[in-house]
């Protein structure tokens, strides 16, 4: 009987029919020889010729008398990747949970759902389907596997369908119990499984179902290897993940739907990054894990590309209508990836992007809390490429809790003390009360109106200016009313001022910092008469030049923002920002790390925009094995050697000068002028040598003493990875790869883990070499 390949792949023929058991019962009857291709092949197998038995284990005939033991099942799930289909095992812990649920389930009960893989997936046991919890993904098939097969061209063993495995197990049990081997299981499609002995079981396919491209009859009759139980096949069963979650990290992708050179999605890349982090936790926090201090860090992907290019926006259809038909592949790549940069600079589509990212953050955070009610840790965010710029702009425009509570609808200032009628009367514009009331405008909604809105209502220019000027004076801080820059050219976001009962600013910050922390929630047209739209900024703000949209708020305060291969510095400079005020910090995020590969063509630095008077090298990220890469160590050794040589030369000159200076002094009578000259020369020489010897240490000292502002709490911001030796031979050859290397970088993952667990008071351990 043939074995059918499931929809996901695995087997190549149809599943066994209901008459399989009858064939099993008749397996003791003699079978005519020469009637099938399998009969022709069986003598070759019995003789254990090199073409058939040499690839199997040595036959142990004594094992035929071993008592029958029930096979131990293991659960697998199917994964599709393009045209390739593979079956991957669950961890032993998850497989045991699924087996227990399968054993205890009743036919009349509803389907049982088991959470697996760190509760990122749910398995419906009866349905045999695996569903993703946090992201959109097609369900995958699940199997309770006991028997496996592997052909000559297969790279790994594939599981048989459950019903066929059951038939094989019944035949195996009968053969072991009766000690009768060399039995054939024939199936209606012509396929045959022969149980030669407990360790040699083969499946033969009929010639009619063979590949037409095979070259010889020997290849047509080549059998498949059949194995019983997962312990007899070469498969790596993953270790289970710790149940305790110490920290959650949301990861945002950059341009395009693919995140690496293998064109994998953000989900697959984040899965790799999570696996790397689990391996590093086991090696660099081994003792803390054994003592229960450390669990794991959960990494969850945030996808905004599908929302932007989905049917809701229709942007793909619009772009396709104007795309030229030539070089179609290149144009498709451009439309699907590079255009994301232009979309982000468009107010229409930028609003879609930031709304998607923020809503995904809030949705994932709520869902995670529901599935992990005991979780009390913090949350961090990661952005790659354009994703880091999206997060930077969102974090820049977050509000603190006090500001979020007060909001627009609850200003404690003087705007709430008056009604619309009283305000218009104070301005001498009470004749327009009926016009505004007919449009259902109250004082709050009137404050949101632009000049064009008021003009559409038929209000003349003079009254319009009075109304706009009134709200501007009441709502804007003093530095914006006097001409300082609050937003850059084209911006429509007006900062809102919150005040206490005395009308004073309630942010508790100095005037310059206060502006940076004000909520940016009021969308209105900008009257450039009241704004300095030049480059100079006196308030240290960095929101200049952002697209005129309403930035949504997160339901949590991120602990750390990690930027991978980030163009933030370049975008800020293009927006017209020359420097970042050292006193500036994100309103709701304490730390910021700019991580990049030295050959990444998209990455830019941040520190020179904060400390421009000092030329500082970025911080070198340590190698995860506790040392520098060999070629970098060699480079440092050569540098030290040249420095030592320089110092030795200066030391030799100093010794020679001292000898030269001492001899005449002993022969001449003491003289004040001579002594002074000699001593001064000696001091100058000594000073020059000391200066040369301490140059390197002073430079290192300066690196640690310089404060990098408050963006990362006074600590360094720019961190550079160590390039691999092969990458150092040709920087241009590995440029694109360098921009996509972060998802599988152990050094990057270890830097994240160190920052996370340092905040939890858990020190990193040096792994054993």
Foldseek 3Di string as FASTA:
>chain_A
DAFPAPPLGFGHRHHFDPCLVVLLVCQPPDDDAPPFLLSVCVVVVVVCDCLANVVFDDDDLVCLQPADDDFDWFKWWWDDDPPDIDIATAAPVQRVVLVVCVVPDDPPDDFDWDQGDLSQWIARNVVQWIGGDQDDDDIIGMAGFWKWKADPPDPFTGGTHPVVVVSVSVSVNVCSVVVPAQTWRAGPQGKIWGGHGQRFIWIFDGLVPDDPPDDDVSVNGHIMTMDGHPVPTDHDRDHGAFNDAAEEEEEEEAFFQAQAPVRDGQQVLLVLLQVLLRVLCCFWVVVCVVVVNDGGYHYDYQYLLCQLPDPVPCVVVVVVVPDDPPPVVVVVVCVRGVCVVVLCQDQVSVQSRLVSRQVSLQVSVVSVCVVVVVHDHFYAYEYAAVRLVSVVLLLLQAADPVQVVCDLVRALDPLVVDWQCVVCVVLVNNVCVVLCVVVVDISSVLQLEELVRVVVSVDDPVVSVSSPVVSCVLFADPVLQVAAALAAPQAFFGFGFHADNVRHGPPPDPPLQSSSNTHGARGYDDDCVRYDNALDHDSQHQNYQRHHYGRDYHPHFHAEYEYELYQNVVVSVVSRHQAGELADARNRYQAAAYEFAPLAPSHDDHQCRQVVPDDDDAAEQAASLGHAAPVVVVVVVVVVVVLVVVLVVLVVVLVVLVVVLPVVVVVDDDDPVSVVVSVVVNVVSVVVSVCSVCVVVVSVVVQVPQFRGRHGDRDGHYYYYHDHPVCVVDSVVCHSNRSSVQSNGSSNSVVVVQVSVVVVVRHIHNGDD
